[in-house]
Amino acid sequence: MEYVYSAMLLHSAKKEVTEEAVTSILKSAGVEVDAARVKALVASLKDVNIDEAIEKAVVAAPVAAAPAASGGAPAEGGAAEEKEEKEEGKTEEEAAEGLSSLFG
C-alpha cells in the first residue's frame, strides 16, 4: 500500500508521478524500495485520470461497506480468507494489472 500512497501523495501535491519521485518518497519513509514494483505502479498509472478514479472509488465505497454495516460479516474461513489465498499466488505483472483496473 505504501507504493499507492506515495503516488496519491504526489498527485495531491500536484506533482508528476514518476519512478524517481515515488522512490524518493518511499525511501524518505524508510521503506525498502522494490524498483520493479515502482516501475509497475508508474506504468499502470500512466494513462489514468486519478481524480476521476478517486471520485468513482468514493461513490462505490458505501456500497461495498453495506454488508458489514448490516451485520453480514463473513464467517471464519469465508470468502475473505479464500481471496487472500488466491492473491498470494499472483505475479507482479498480475498485481499491476489489478492495480491499473482500479484506476481505469
Protein backbone atom coordinates (compact mmCIF):
# COMPACT_ATOMS: atom_id res chain seq x y z
CA MET A 1 0.00 0.00 0.00
CA GLU A 2 2.92 2.34 0.60
CA TYR A 3 3.53 2.48 -3.14
CA VAL A 4 -0.04 3.57 -3.89
CA TYR A 5 0.03 6.04 -1.01
CA SER A 6 3.19 7.62 -2.40
CA ALA A 7 1.51 8.08 -5.79
CA MET A 8 -1.57 9.60 -4.14
CA LEU A 9 0.63 11.96 -2.12
CA LEU A 10 2.42 13.12 -5.26
CA HIS A 11 -0.90 13.59 -7.03
CA SER A 12 -2.41 15.58 -4.16
CA ALA A 13 0.70 17.79 -4.14
CA LYS A 14 0.17 18.34 -7.87
CA LYS A 15 3.49 16.66 -8.70
CA GLU A 16 4.10 14.22 -11.52
CA VAL A 17 4.04 10.54 -10.50
CA THR A 18 7.45 9.36 -11.69
CA GLU A 19 9.65 6.44 -10.69
CA GLU A 20 12.15 8.86 -9.15
CA ALA A 21 9.51 10.71 -7.14
CA VAL A 22 7.84 7.54 -5.84
CA THR A 23 11.23 6.06 -4.93
CA SER A 24 12.22 9.24 -3.12
CA ILE A 25 9.03 9.29 -1.03
CA LEU A 26 9.33 5.61 -0.15
CA LYS A 27 12.98 5.99 0.88
CA SER A 28 12.06 9.05 2.97
CA ALA A 29 9.53 6.92 4.81
CA GLY A 30 12.12 4.23 5.48
CA VAL A 31 10.60 1.71 3.06
CA GLU A 32 12.94 -0.72 1.32
CA VAL A 33 12.15 0.11 -2.32
CA ASP A 34 11.50 -2.57 -4.92
CA ALA A 35 12.30 -0.93 -8.27
CA ALA A 36 10.11 -3.40 -10.20
CA ARG A 37 7.08 -2.51 -8.08
CA VAL A 38 7.74 1.21 -8.55
CA LYS A 39 8.04 0.75 -12.30
CA ALA A 40 4.81 -1.30 -12.41
CA LEU A 41 2.94 1.31 -10.38
CA VAL A 42 4.06 4.24 -12.52
CA ALA A 43 3.32 2.31 -15.72
CA SER A 44 -0.15 1.33 -14.51
CA LEU A 45 -0.99 4.95 -13.63
CA LYS A 46 0.39 6.39 -16.87
CA ASP A 47 -2.96 6.91 -18.64
CA VAL A 48 -5.17 7.13 -15.57
CA ASN A 49 -7.17 10.17 -14.52
CA ILE A 50 -6.51 9.82 -10.79
CA ASP A 51 -9.11 12.42 -9.77
CA GLU A 52 -11.79 10.52 -11.67
CA ALA A 53 -10.67 7.19 -10.20
CA ILE A 54 -10.81 8.59 -6.66
CA GLU A 55 -14.26 10.00 -7.29
CA LYS A 56 -15.51 6.62 -8.53
CA ALA A 57 -13.95 4.86 -5.53
CA VAL A 58 -15.63 7.24 -3.09
CA VAL A 59 -19.02 6.63 -4.70
CA ALA A 60 -18.52 2.84 -4.63
CA ALA A 61 -17.22 2.68 -1.03
CA PRO A 62 -20.63 2.95 0.73
CA VAL A 63 -21.98 0.13 -1.43
CA ALA A 64 -19.04 -2.12 -0.55
CA ALA A 65 -19.39 -1.33 3.16
CA ALA A 66 -23.13 -2.07 3.30
CA PRO A 67 -22.90 -5.84 4.10
CA ALA A 68 -20.56 -5.23 7.05
CA ALA A 69 -22.76 -2.45 8.39
CA SER A 70 -25.80 -4.70 8.35
CA GLY A 71 -24.05 -7.37 10.41
CA GLY A 72 -23.29 -9.51 7.39
CA ALA A 73 -19.66 -10.14 8.27
CA PRO A 74 -18.21 -13.24 6.59
CA ALA A 75 -17.83 -16.33 8.73
CA GLU A 76 -14.41 -17.70 9.60
CA GLY A 77 -12.83 -19.39 6.64
CA GLY A 78 -15.10 -17.39 4.35
CA ALA A 79 -14.60 -15.51 1.13
CA ALA A 80 -12.06 -13.06 2.56
CA GLU A 81 -9.68 -15.85 3.52
CA GLU A 82 -10.15 -17.54 0.15
CA LYS A 83 -9.40 -14.28 -1.66
CA GLU A 84 -6.15 -13.84 0.31
CA GLU A 85 -5.01 -17.31 -0.69
CA LYS A 86 -5.65 -16.57 -4.37
CA GLU A 87 -3.83 -13.21 -4.22
CA GLU A 88 -0.69 -14.75 -2.70
CA GLY A 89 -0.04 -16.63 -5.95
CA LYS A 90 -0.16 -13.53 -8.18
CA THR A 91 2.85 -12.35 -10.12
CA GLU A 92 3.90 -8.71 -10.01
CA GLU A 93 2.51 -8.21 -13.52
CA GLU A 94 -0.87 -9.58 -12.47
CA ALA A 95 -0.83 -7.37 -9.40
CA ALA A 96 -0.01 -4.32 -11.55
CA GLU A 97 -2.85 -5.19 -13.91
CA GLY A 98 -5.19 -5.43 -10.95
CA LEU A 99 -3.99 -2.07 -9.68
CA SER A 100 -4.49 -0.43 -13.06
CA SER A 101 -8.06 -1.78 -13.18
CA LEU A 102 -8.81 0.19 -10.01
CA PHE A 103 -7.91 3.39 -11.82
CA GLY A 104 -9.19 2.58 -15.30
